[in-house]
Amino acid sequence: MNNDDDLEKTSHNPSTDTSGTQVESDVEDSPTSAQTEEEEAEALRRKIAEIERKVADGH
């Protein structure tokens, strides 16, 4: 049994930071998140336009 193998497996774990704290992956950069964010922005633009029309009509 070689303990160096066990050490090497744990020392290169990309899901933890240097303090050993679990690090969440950055989902903000994923295409799905960007698409969802764009869809939400478009929905807000539509709501704003609707409110502006109502204000302009005096409602």
Protein backbone atom coordinates (compact mmCIF):
# COMPACT_ATOMS: atom_id res chain seq x y z
CA MET A 1 0.00 0.00 0.00
CA ASN A 2 1.44 3.33 -1.06
CA ASN A 3 0.22 6.41 0.84
CA ASP A 4 1.66 8.74 -1.81
CA ASP A 5 -1.05 7.60 -4.22
CA ASP A 6 -3.77 8.55 -1.73
CA LEU A 7 -2.16 11.94 -1.10
CA GLU A 8 -1.87 12.67 -4.81
CA LYS A 9 -5.55 11.85 -5.42
CA THR A 10 -6.70 14.30 -2.76
CA SER A 11 -4.17 17.07 -3.35
CA HIS A 12 -5.32 17.75 -6.93
CA ASN A 13 -9.05 17.90 -6.31
CA PRO A 14 -10.38 20.82 -8.40
CA SER A 15 -13.66 21.02 -6.47
CA THR A 16 -12.00 22.36 -3.32
CA ASP A 17 -10.07 25.55 -2.68
CA THR A 18 -6.73 25.68 -0.84
CA SER A 19 -8.44 25.67 2.57
CA GLY A 20 -10.34 22.50 1.70
CA THR A 21 -13.67 24.30 1.40
CA GLN A 22 -16.00 22.92 -1.24
CA VAL A 23 -16.18 25.29 -4.21
CA GLU A 24 -19.35 25.64 -6.27
CA SER A 25 -18.93 25.60 -10.02
CA ASP A 26 -19.59 28.88 -11.79
CA VAL A 27 -22.91 28.38 -13.56
CA GLU A 28 -23.20 32.02 -14.57
CA ASP A 29 -21.06 31.40 -17.65
CA SER A 30 -23.04 28.46 -18.94
CA PRO A 31 -25.11 28.94 -22.13
CA THR A 32 -28.27 27.84 -20.35
CA SER A 33 -27.88 30.52 -17.68
CA ALA A 34 -27.13 33.20 -20.28
CA GLN A 35 -30.19 32.18 -22.28
CA THR A 36 -32.39 32.20 -19.18
CA GLU A 37 -31.03 35.59 -18.17
CA GLU A 38 -31.77 36.98 -21.64
CA GLU A 39 -35.31 35.57 -21.54
CA GLU A 40 -35.90 37.17 -18.14
CA ALA A 41 -34.56 40.49 -19.43
CA GLU A 42 -36.89 40.33 -22.43
CA ALA A 43 -39.87 39.58 -20.18
CA LEU A 44 -39.01 42.62 -18.05
CA ARG A 45 -38.72 44.81 -21.16
CA ARG A 46 -42.20 43.70 -22.23
CA LYS A 47 -43.65 44.46 -18.79
CA ILE A 48 -42.01 47.90 -18.76
CA ALA A 49 -43.40 48.67 -22.22
CA GLU A 50 -46.89 47.59 -21.11
CA ILE A 51 -46.73 49.81 -18.01
CA GLU A 52 -45.48 52.76 -20.07
CA ARG A 53 -48.41 52.33 -22.48
CA LYS A 54 -50.88 52.28 -19.59
CA VAL A 55 -49.34 55.41 -18.10
CA ALA A 56 -49.44 57.15 -21.48
CA ASP A 57 -53.12 56.20 -21.86
CA GLY A 58 -53.90 57.56 -18.39
CA HIS A 59 -54.74 54.19 -16.78
